[in-house]
């Protein structure tokens, strides 16, 4: 084999490996929503301004995301009011986090309790581009078959594809825990703190690249993008942290923080 052919083979192999590595990290089968119509979503970026997780505002100071998005409070930037990551639109607000509060029961092996609160150093300014998300009450149940919507800046193809410049969203129906836990699917790995959404035939999904992003049902965030098997695979829907199981913890954590501040 001559040198040019050898170099081409090496390049193709590198690209193939990269595609396999990122195949867990995208929304597929979705579409671009109306710009700035999903006003509560935030982009969580590293210090190089690279997006790595999503999240959503629940008030001017607090963001919810996935616990597995925790790379350390000093390494994050929270960006609200964004739509296109490729250009500066003038609608963005960049704020550093003051502290991160992963759920104390988060288990990185089982993915149970994969939820985290982020306290911002300064308040987000709510306007026509930025608003807060509504949460369900404690232990509220979303019915099987209810169509929800998940959004994020993850990859757009099951084979890797490219990171989209603009926000993407996809509609997915809720799948019962019984079906999701069947031997043909996740075989008992779905806990009471999780919910599943997707299609049995696959093709539409959100995975790690969209981690921490909101799954909205009936106008409230019922799920946080958590984990899955590949992306858009038949019989393996996306798995989300069930926000309603943690509503009491969310409220108590925020109240506890403000109570401590008022005493100082």
C-alpha atoms as a PDB file:
ATOM      1  CA  UNK A   1       0.000   0.000   0.000  1.00  0.00           C
ATOM      2  CA  UNK A   2       1.417   3.416  -1.013  1.00  0.00           C
ATOM      3  CA  UNK A   3       1.732   6.254   1.497  1.00  0.00           C
ATOM      4  CA  UNK A   4      -1.312   8.295   0.322  1.00  0.00           C
ATOM      5  CA  UNK A   5      -3.548   5.218   0.528  1.00  0.00           C
ATOM      6  CA  UNK A   6      -2.206   4.357   3.985  1.00  0.00           C
ATOM      7  CA  UNK A   7      -2.846   7.910   5.236  1.00  0.00           C
ATOM      8  CA  UNK A   8      -6.373   7.786   3.830  1.00  0.00           C
ATOM      9  CA  UNK A   9      -7.082   4.521   5.633  1.00  0.00           C
ATOM     10  CA  UNK A  10      -5.789   5.939   8.910  1.00  0.00           C
ATOM     11  CA  UNK A  11      -7.945   9.037   8.496  1.00  0.00           C
ATOM     12  CA  UNK A  12     -11.052   6.972   7.781  1.00  0.00           C
ATOM     13  CA  UNK A  13     -10.400   4.824  10.836  1.00  0.00           C
ATOM     14  CA  UNK A  14     -10.001   7.890  13.049  1.00  0.00           C
ATOM     15  CA  UNK A  15     -13.258   9.302  11.730  1.00  0.00           C
ATOM     16  CA  UNK A  16     -15.000   5.983  12.321  1.00  0.00           C
ATOM     17  CA  UNK A  17     -13.800   5.880  15.924  1.00  0.00           C
ATOM     18  CA  UNK A  18     -14.903   9.462  16.483  1.00  0.00           C
ATOM     19  CA  UNK A  19     -18.338   8.696  15.086  1.00  0.00           C
ATOM     20  CA  UNK A  20     -18.699   5.718  17.420  1.00  0.00           C
ATOM     21  CA  UNK A  21     -17.633   7.847  20.368  1.00  0.00           C
ATOM     22  CA  UNK A  22     -20.143  10.647  19.757  1.00  0.00           C
ATOM     23  CA  UNK A  23     -23.012   8.396  18.726  1.00  0.00           C
ATOM     24  CA  UNK A  24     -24.388   8.633  22.243  1.00  0.00           C
ATOM     25  CA  UNK A  25     -24.626  12.411  22.187  1.00  0.00           C
ATOM     26  CA  UNK A  26     -27.452  13.962  20.179  1.00  0.00           C
ATOM     27  CA  UNK A  27     -31.111  14.677  19.418  1.00  0.00           C
ATOM     28  CA  UNK A  28     -32.156  12.859  16.237  1.00  0.00           C
ATOM     29  CA  UNK A  29     -35.340  13.049  14.218  1.00  0.00           C
ATOM     30  CA  UNK A  30     -36.098  16.542  15.481  1.00  0.00           C
ATOM     31  CA  UNK A  31     -36.464  20.023  14.092  1.00  0.00           C
ATOM     32  CA  UNK A  32     -35.453  23.615  14.827  1.00  0.00           C
ATOM     33  CA  UNK A  33     -38.107  25.382  16.912  1.00  0.00           C
ATOM     34  CA  UNK A  34     -39.093  29.024  16.429  1.00  0.00           C
ATOM     35  CA  UNK A  35     -36.081  31.060  17.615  1.00  0.00           C
ATOM     36  CA  UNK A  36     -36.239  31.860  21.336  1.00  0.00           C
ATOM     37  CA  UNK A  37     -39.559  30.075  21.782  1.00  0.00           C
ATOM     38  CA  UNK A  38     -38.027  27.747  24.419  1.00  0.00           C
ATOM     39  CA  UNK A  39     -37.058  30.510  26.799  1.00  0.00           C
ATOM     40  CA  UNK A  40     -36.198  28.505  29.930  1.00  0.00           C
ATOM     41  CA  UNK A  41     -33.462  26.346  28.405  1.00  0.00           C
ATOM     42  CA  UNK A  42     -29.813  27.131  29.115  1.00  0.00           C
ATOM     43  CA  UNK A  43     -26.550  26.021  27.580  1.00  0.00           C
ATOM     44  CA  UNK A  44     -23.964  24.841  30.108  1.00  0.00           C
ATOM     45  CA  UNK A  45     -20.515  25.498  28.686  1.00  0.00           C
ATOM     46  CA  UNK A  46     -16.935  24.971  29.758  1.00  0.00           C
ATOM     47  CA  UNK A  47     -14.396  27.766  30.067  1.00  0.00           C
ATOM     48  CA  UNK A  48     -13.575  27.416  26.373  1.00  0.00           C
ATOM     49  CA  UNK A  49     -17.205  28.307  25.575  1.00  0.00           C
ATOM     50  CA  UNK A  50     -17.952  24.781  24.394  1.00  0.00           C
ATOM     51  CA  UNK A  51     -21.463  23.521  25.062  1.00  0.00           C
ATOM     52  CA  UNK A  52     -21.524  20.175  26.894  1.00  0.00           C
ATOM     53  CA  UNK A  53     -24.892  19.984  28.701  1.00  0.00           C
ATOM     54  CA  UNK A  54     -28.287  21.578  28.820  1.00  0.00           C
ATOM     55  CA  UNK A  55     -30.349  22.766  31.742  1.00  0.00           C
ATOM     56  CA  UNK A  56     -33.334  24.954  32.525  1.00  0.00           C
ATOM     57  CA  UNK A  57     -34.143  27.922  34.730  1.00  0.00           C
ATOM     58  CA  UNK A  58     -36.598  27.500  37.602  1.00  0.00           C
ATOM     59  CA  UNK A  59     -36.134  31.001  38.982  1.00  0.00           C
ATOM     60  CA  UNK A  60     -33.739  33.919  38.469  1.00  0.00           C
ATOM     61  CA  UNK A  61     -30.987  32.289  40.518  1.00  0.00           C
ATOM     62  CA  UNK A  62     -31.394  28.530  40.059  1.00  0.00           C
ATOM     63  CA  UNK A  63     -30.912  26.056  37.215  1.00  0.00           C
ATOM     64  CA  UNK A  64     -31.704  22.351  37.089  1.00  0.00           C
ATOM     65  CA  UNK A  65     -29.538  19.936  35.110  1.00  0.00           C
ATOM     66  CA  UNK A  66     -28.301  16.341  35.363  1.00  0.00           C
ATOM     67  CA  UNK A  67     -25.894  15.380  38.141  1.00  0.00           C
ATOM     68  CA  UNK A  68     -23.610  13.660  35.633  1.00  0.00           C
ATOM     69  CA  UNK A  69     -23.042  17.100  34.035  1.00  0.00           C
ATOM     70  CA  UNK A  70     -21.053  18.177  37.097  1.00  0.00           C
ATOM     71  CA  UNK A  71     -17.519  19.094  35.992  1.00  0.00           C
ATOM     72  CA  UNK A  72     -16.914  21.420  38.920  1.00  0.00           C
ATOM     73  CA  UNK A  73     -18.374  24.807  39.772  1.00  0.00           C
ATOM     74  CA  UNK A  74     -15.233  26.677  38.662  1.00  0.00           C
ATOM     75  CA  UNK A  75     -15.326  25.140  35.164  1.00  0.00           C
ATOM     76  CA  UNK A  76     -18.853  26.109  34.091  1.00  0.00           C
ATOM     77  CA  UNK A  77     -20.540  29.037  32.404  1.00  0.00           C
ATOM     78  CA  UNK A  78     -24.339  29.216  32.253  1.00  0.00           C
ATOM     79  CA  UNK A  79     -25.744  30.840  29.116  1.00  0.00           C
ATOM     80  CA  UNK A  80     -29.421  31.784  28.885  1.00  0.00           C
ATOM     81  CA  UNK A  81     -31.238  33.453  26.013  1.00  0.00           C
ATOM     82  CA  UNK A  82     -29.261  31.517  23.411  1.00  0.00           C
ATOM     83  CA  UNK A  83     -30.543  29.944  20.210  1.00  0.00           C
ATOM     84  CA  UNK A  84     -27.606  29.685  17.844  1.00  0.00           C
ATOM     85  CA  UNK A  85     -24.313  28.631  19.374  1.00  0.00           C
ATOM     86  CA  UNK A  86     -22.478  29.686  16.225  1.00  0.00           C
ATOM     87  CA  UNK A  87     -23.184  33.407  16.395  1.00  0.00           C
ATOM     88  CA  UNK A  88     -23.615  36.105  19.015  1.00  0.00           C
ATOM     89  CA  UNK A  89     -27.217  37.289  18.833  1.00  0.00           C
ATOM     90  CA  UNK A  90     -27.176  39.887  21.595  1.00  0.00           C
ATOM     91  CA  UNK A  91     -29.864  38.017  23.538  1.00  0.00           C
ATOM     92  CA  UNK A  92     -27.470  35.859  25.555  1.00  0.00           C
ATOM     93  CA  UNK A  93     -26.766  36.254  29.259  1.00  0.00           C
ATOM     94  CA  UNK A  94     -23.615  34.581  30.590  1.00  0.00           C
ATOM     95  CA  UNK A  95     -23.417  34.024  34.334  1.00  0.00           C
ATOM     96  CA  UNK A  96     -20.983  32.002  36.418  1.00  0.00           C
ATOM     97  CA  UNK A  97     -22.328  29.475  38.921  1.00  0.00           C
ATOM     98  CA  UNK A  98     -21.851  30.072  42.638  1.00  0.00           C
ATOM     99  CA  UNK A  99     -22.349  26.476  43.711  1.00  0.00           C
ATOM    100  CA  UNK A 100     -23.584  23.136  42.415  1.00  0.00           C
ATOM    101  CA  UNK A 101     -25.768  20.779  44.453  1.00  0.00           C
ATOM    102  CA  UNK A 102     -25.947  17.237  43.035  1.00  0.00           C
ATOM    103  CA  UNK A 103     -28.622  15.093  44.618  1.00  0.00           C
ATOM    104  CA  UNK A 104     -27.013  13.307  47.588  1.00  0.00           C
ATOM    105  CA  UNK A 105     -28.328   9.939  46.393  1.00  0.00           C
ATOM    106  CA  UNK A 106     -26.990  10.268  42.842  1.00  0.00           C
ATOM    107  CA  UNK A 107     -25.433   6.997  41.715  1.00  0.00           C
ATOM    108  CA  UNK A 108     -23.198   7.215  38.646  1.00  0.00           C
ATOM    109  CA  UNK A 109     -23.348   3.441  38.156  1.00  0.00           C
ATOM    110  CA  UNK A 110     -27.128   3.047  38.101  1.00  0.00           C
ATOM    111  CA  UNK A 111     -27.870   6.653  37.015  1.00  0.00           C
ATOM    112  CA  UNK A 112     -30.418   6.886  39.812  1.00  0.00           C
ATOM    113  CA  UNK A 113     -31.236  10.376  41.161  1.00  0.00           C
ATOM    114  CA  UNK A 114     -29.425  12.015  38.238  1.00  0.00           C
ATOM    115  CA  UNK A 115     -30.395  15.593  39.031  1.00  0.00           C
ATOM    116  CA  UNK A 116     -28.486  18.679  40.164  1.00  0.00           C
ATOM    117  CA  UNK A 117     -29.214  22.259  41.178  1.00  0.00           C
ATOM    118  CA  UNK A 118     -26.947  25.126  40.126  1.00  0.00           C
ATOM    119  CA  UNK A 119     -27.006  28.403  42.059  1.00  0.00           C
ATOM    120  CA  UNK A 120     -25.985  31.407  39.957  1.00  0.00           C
ATOM    121  CA  UNK A 121     -23.686  34.163  41.206  1.00  0.00           C
ATOM    122  CA  UNK A 122     -26.061  36.835  39.883  1.00  0.00           C
ATOM    123  CA  UNK A 123     -29.718  36.782  38.884  1.00  0.00           C
ATOM    124  CA  UNK A 124     -30.800  36.132  35.327  1.00  0.00           C
ATOM    125  CA  UNK A 125     -32.714  39.036  33.829  1.00  0.00           C
ATOM    126  CA  UNK A 126     -36.106  37.738  32.730  1.00  0.00           C
ATOM    127  CA  UNK A 127     -37.269  39.244  29.447  1.00  0.00           C
ATOM    128  CA  UNK A 128     -38.822  38.314  26.098  1.00  0.00           C
ATOM    129  CA  UNK A 129     -35.963  35.858  25.459  1.00  0.00           C
ATOM    130  CA  UNK A 130     -35.550  34.323  28.920  1.00  0.00           C
ATOM    131  CA  UNK A 131     -38.159  32.908  31.292  1.00  0.00           C
ATOM    132  CA  UNK A 132     -38.495  30.212  33.922  1.00  0.00           C
ATOM    133  CA  UNK A 133     -39.839  26.676  33.603  1.00  0.00           C
ATOM    134  CA  UNK A 134     -42.776  25.313  35.558  1.00  0.00           C
ATOM    135  CA  UNK A 135     -42.333  22.116  37.572  1.00  0.00           C
ATOM    136  CA  UNK A 136     -44.853  19.400  38.444  1.00  0.00           C
ATOM    137  CA  UNK A 137     -45.941  18.851  42.023  1.00  0.00           C
ATOM    138  CA  UNK A 138     -44.342  16.132  44.134  1.00  0.00           C
ATOM    139  CA  UNK A 139     -45.200  12.643  42.819  1.00  0.00           C
ATOM    140  CA  UNK A 140     -47.281  13.966  39.920  1.00  0.00           C
ATOM    141  CA  UNK A 141     -47.728  11.299  37.246  1.00  0.00           C
ATOM    142  CA  UNK A 142     -47.587  11.850  33.508  1.00  0.00           C
ATOM    143  CA  UNK A 143     -49.717   9.329  31.625  1.00  0.00           C
ATOM    144  CA  UNK A 144     -48.366   6.762  29.195  1.00  0.00           C
ATOM    145  CA  UNK A 145     -48.722   7.970  25.628  1.00  0.00           C
ATOM    146  CA  UNK A 146     -48.689  11.647  26.548  1.00  0.00           C
ATOM    147  CA  UNK A 147     -46.630  13.481  23.932  1.00  0.00           C
ATOM    148  CA  UNK A 148     -43.812  15.580  25.411  1.00  0.00           C
ATOM    149  CA  UNK A 149     -40.982  17.619  23.953  1.00  0.00           C
ATOM    150  CA  UNK A 150     -37.249  17.473  24.650  1.00  0.00           C
ATOM    151  CA  UNK A 151     -34.803  20.116  23.445  1.00  0.00           C
ATOM    152  CA  UNK A 152     -31.057  20.573  23.236  1.00  0.00           C
ATOM    153  CA  UNK A 153     -27.959  21.332  21.205  1.00  0.00           C
ATOM    154  CA  UNK A 154     -26.811  17.714  20.846  1.00  0.00           C
ATOM    155  CA  UNK A 155     -25.819  15.797  17.720  1.00  0.00           C
ATOM    156  CA  UNK A 156     -28.430  15.325  15.018  1.00  0.00           C
ATOM    157  CA  UNK A 157     -27.582  11.894  13.585  1.00  0.00           C
ATOM    158  CA  UNK A 158     -27.411   8.368  15.061  1.00  0.00           C
ATOM    159  CA  UNK A 159     -24.048   8.048  13.320  1.00  0.00           C
ATOM    160  CA  UNK A 160     -22.569  11.107  14.936  1.00  0.00           C
ATOM    161  CA  UNK A 161     -23.329  13.829  12.427  1.00  0.00           C
ATOM    162  CA  UNK A 162     -22.469  17.360  13.468  1.00  0.00           C
ATOM    163  CA  UNK A 163     -23.382  19.556  16.402  1.00  0.00           C
ATOM    164  CA  UNK A 164     -26.207  21.796  15.182  1.00  0.00           C
ATOM    165  CA  UNK A 165     -25.666  25.537  15.191  1.00  0.00           C
ATOM    166  CA  UNK A 166     -29.164  26.116  16.508  1.00  0.00           C
ATOM    167  CA  UNK A 167     -31.337  24.585  19.180  1.00  0.00           C
ATOM    168  CA  UNK A 168     -33.213  21.415  18.216  1.00  0.00           C
ATOM    169  CA  UNK A 169     -36.329  19.821  19.635  1.00  0.00           C
ATOM    170  CA  UNK A 170     -38.244  16.578  19.164  1.00  0.00           C
ATOM    171  CA  UNK A 171     -41.635  15.301  20.327  1.00  0.00           C
ATOM    172  CA  UNK A 172     -41.738  11.954  22.131  1.00  0.00           C
ATOM    173  CA  UNK A 173     -44.488   9.942  23.824  1.00  0.00           C
ATOM    174  CA  UNK A 174     -44.163   8.712  27.399  1.00  0.00           C
ATOM    175  CA  UNK A 175     -43.555   4.959  27.659  1.00  0.00           C
ATOM    176  CA  UNK A 176     -44.633   3.087  30.781  1.00  0.00           C
ATOM    177  CA  UNK A 177     -42.018   1.924  33.260  1.00  0.00           C
ATOM    178  CA  UNK A 178     -43.321  -1.627  32.809  1.00  0.00           C
ATOM    179  CA  UNK A 179     -42.582  -1.584  29.080  1.00  0.00           C
ATOM    180  CA  UNK A 180     -39.270   0.205  29.575  1.00  0.00           C
ATOM    181  CA  UNK A 181     -38.231  -2.383  32.171  1.00  0.00           C
ATOM    182  CA  UNK A 182     -39.168  -5.386  30.048  1.00  0.00           C
ATOM    183  CA  UNK A 183     -36.618  -8.018  29.055  1.00  0.00           C
ATOM    184  CA  UNK A 184     -36.721  -6.660  25.486  1.00  0.00           C
ATOM    185  CA  UNK A 185     -35.755  -3.207  26.724  1.00  0.00           C
ATOM    186  CA  UNK A 186     -33.844  -2.082  29.850  1.00  0.00           C
ATOM    187  CA  UNK A 187     -34.555  -5.294  31.751  1.00  0.00           C
ATOM    188  CA  UNK A 188     -35.223  -3.851  35.216  1.00  0.00           C
ATOM    189  CA  UNK A 189     -32.770  -0.929  35.173  1.00  0.00           C
ATOM    190  CA  UNK A 190     -35.470   1.755  35.312  1.00  0.00           C
ATOM    191  CA  UNK A 191     -36.104   2.904  38.893  1.00  0.00           C
ATOM    192  CA  UNK A 192     -39.096   4.766  40.314  1.00  0.00           C
ATOM    193  CA  UNK A 193     -37.036   7.964  39.960  1.00  0.00           C
ATOM    194  CA  UNK A 194     -36.890   7.653  36.156  1.00  0.00           C
ATOM    195  CA  UNK A 195     -39.271   7.848  33.240  1.00  0.00           C
ATOM    196  CA  UNK A 196     -38.959   6.813  29.601  1.00  0.00           C
ATOM    197  CA  UNK A 197     -39.968   8.615  26.423  1.00  0.00           C
ATOM    198  CA  UNK A 198     -39.579   7.586  22.805  1.00  0.00           C
ATOM    199  CA  UNK A 199     -40.824   5.207  20.131  1.00  0.00           C
ATOM    200  CA  UNK A 200     -40.586   1.418  20.111  1.00  0.00           C
ATOM    201  CA  UNK A 201     -39.337   1.619  16.518  1.00  0.00           C
ATOM    202  CA  UNK A 202     -36.666   4.137  17.493  1.00  0.00           C
ATOM    203  CA  UNK A 203     -35.578   6.965  15.220  1.00  0.00           C
ATOM    204  CA  UNK A 204     -36.223   9.880  17.594  1.00  0.00           C
ATOM    205  CA  UNK A 205     -34.365  10.393  20.832  1.00  0.00           C
ATOM    206  CA  UNK A 206     -32.113  12.516  23.028  1.00  0.00           C
ATOM    207  CA  UNK A 207     -28.994  11.279  24.768  1.00  0.00           C
ATOM    208  CA  UNK A 208     -25.868  12.446  26.560  1.00  0.00           C
ATOM    209  CA  UNK A 209     -25.055  15.413  24.372  1.00  0.00           C
ATOM    210  CA  UNK A 210     -28.424  16.840  25.419  1.00  0.00           C
ATOM    211  CA  UNK A 211     -27.949  15.792  29.035  1.00  0.00           C
ATOM    212  CA  UNK A 212     -29.617  17.950  31.635  1.00  0.00           C
ATOM    213  CA  UNK A 213     -32.107  19.360  29.159  1.00  0.00           C
ATOM    214  CA  UNK A 214     -35.861  19.556  29.791  1.00  0.00           C
ATOM    215  CA  UNK A 215     -38.555  17.068  28.808  1.00  0.00           C
ATOM    216  CA  UNK A 216     -41.720  19.179  28.856  1.00  0.00           C
ATOM    217  CA  UNK A 217     -45.173  17.649  29.158  1.00  0.00           C
ATOM    218  CA  UNK A 218     -48.383  19.686  29.512  1.00  0.00           C
ATOM    219  CA  UNK A 219     -46.356  22.863  29.985  1.00  0.00           C
ATOM    220  CA  UNK A 220     -44.232  21.528  32.867  1.00  0.00           C
ATOM    221  CA  UNK A 221     -40.786  19.937  32.998  1.00  0.00           C
ATOM    222  CA  UNK A 222     -41.374  16.319  33.960  1.00  0.00           C
ATOM    223  CA  UNK A 223     -37.997  14.963  32.911  1.00  0.00           C
ATOM    224  CA  UNK A 224     -34.275  15.750  32.824  1.00  0.00           C
ATOM    225  CA  UNK A 225     -32.289  14.103  30.014  1.00  0.00           C
ATOM    226  CA  UNK A 226     -30.261  11.419  31.788  1.00  0.00           C
ATOM    227  CA  UNK A 227     -29.171   8.300  29.902  1.00  0.00           C
ATOM    228  CA  UNK A 228     -30.006   5.639  27.338  1.00  0.00           C
ATOM    229  CA  UNK A 229     -28.641   2.867  25.141  1.00  0.00           C
ATOM    230  CA  UNK A 230     -27.156   4.369  22.028  1.00  0.00           C
ATOM    231  CA  UNK A 231     -29.600   6.793  20.477  1.00  0.00           C
ATOM    232  CA  UNK A 232     -32.890   6.179  18.738  1.00  0.00           C
ATOM    233  CA  UNK A 233     -32.468   2.414  18.921  1.00  0.00           C
ATOM    234  CA  UNK A 234     -35.602   0.302  18.607  1.00  0.00           C
ATOM    235  CA  UNK A 235     -36.956  -0.883  21.995  1.00  0.00           C
ATOM    236  CA  UNK A 236     -34.616   1.479  23.869  1.00  0.00           C
ATOM    237  CA  UNK A 237     -36.244   4.868  24.503  1.00  0.00           C
ATOM    238  CA  UNK A 238     -34.495   7.735  26.217  1.00  0.00           C
ATOM    239  CA  UNK A 239     -34.400   7.668  30.012  1.00  0.00           C
ATOM    240  CA  UNK A 240     -35.089  10.802  32.042  1.00  0.00           C
ATOM    241  CA  UNK A 241     -34.882  11.743  35.693  1.00  0.00           C
ATOM    242  CA  UNK A 242     -38.469  12.108  36.924  1.00  0.00           C
ATOM    243  CA  UNK A 243     -38.604  15.680  38.238  1.00  0.00           C
ATOM    244  CA  UNK A 244     -41.796  15.066  40.213  1.00  0.00           C
ATOM    245  CA  UNK A 245     -39.918  12.619  42.435  1.00  0.00           C
ATOM    246  CA  UNK A 246     -37.527  15.392  43.437  1.00  0.00           C
ATOM    247  CA  UNK A 247     -39.817  18.407  43.742  1.00  0.00           C
ATOM    248  CA  UNK A 248     -39.689  18.345  47.545  1.00  0.00           C
ATOM    249  CA  UNK A 249     -35.870  18.096  47.504  1.00  0.00           C
ATOM    250  CA  UNK A 250     -35.645  20.995  45.039  1.00  0.00           C
ATOM    251  CA  UNK A 251     -37.841  23.247  47.170  1.00  0.00           C
ATOM    252  CA  UNK A 252     -36.149  22.286  50.433  1.00  0.00           C
ATOM    253  CA  UNK A 253     -32.648  22.785  49.013  1.00  0.00           C
ATOM    254  CA  UNK A 254     -33.422  26.259  47.719  1.00  0.00           C
ATOM    255  CA  UNK A 255     -35.228  27.243  50.941  1.00  0.00           C
ATOM    256  CA  UNK A 256     -32.348  25.916  53.041  1.00  0.00           C
ATOM    257  CA  UNK A 257     -29.816  27.956  51.077  1.00  0.00           C
ATOM    258  CA  UNK A 258     -31.754  31.189  51.452  1.00  0.00           C
ATOM    259  CA  UNK A 259     -32.345  30.493  55.123  1.00  0.00           C
ATOM    260  CA  UNK A 260     -28.593  30.123  55.716  1.00  0.00           C
ATOM    261  CA  UNK A 261     -27.885  33.335  53.782  1.00  0.00           C
ATOM    262  CA  UNK A 262     -30.410  35.312  55.813  1.00  0.00           C
ATOM    263  CA  UNK A 263     -28.745  34.202  59.056  1.00  0.00           C
ATOM    264  CA  UNK A 264     -25.326  35.477  57.975  1.00  0.00           C
END
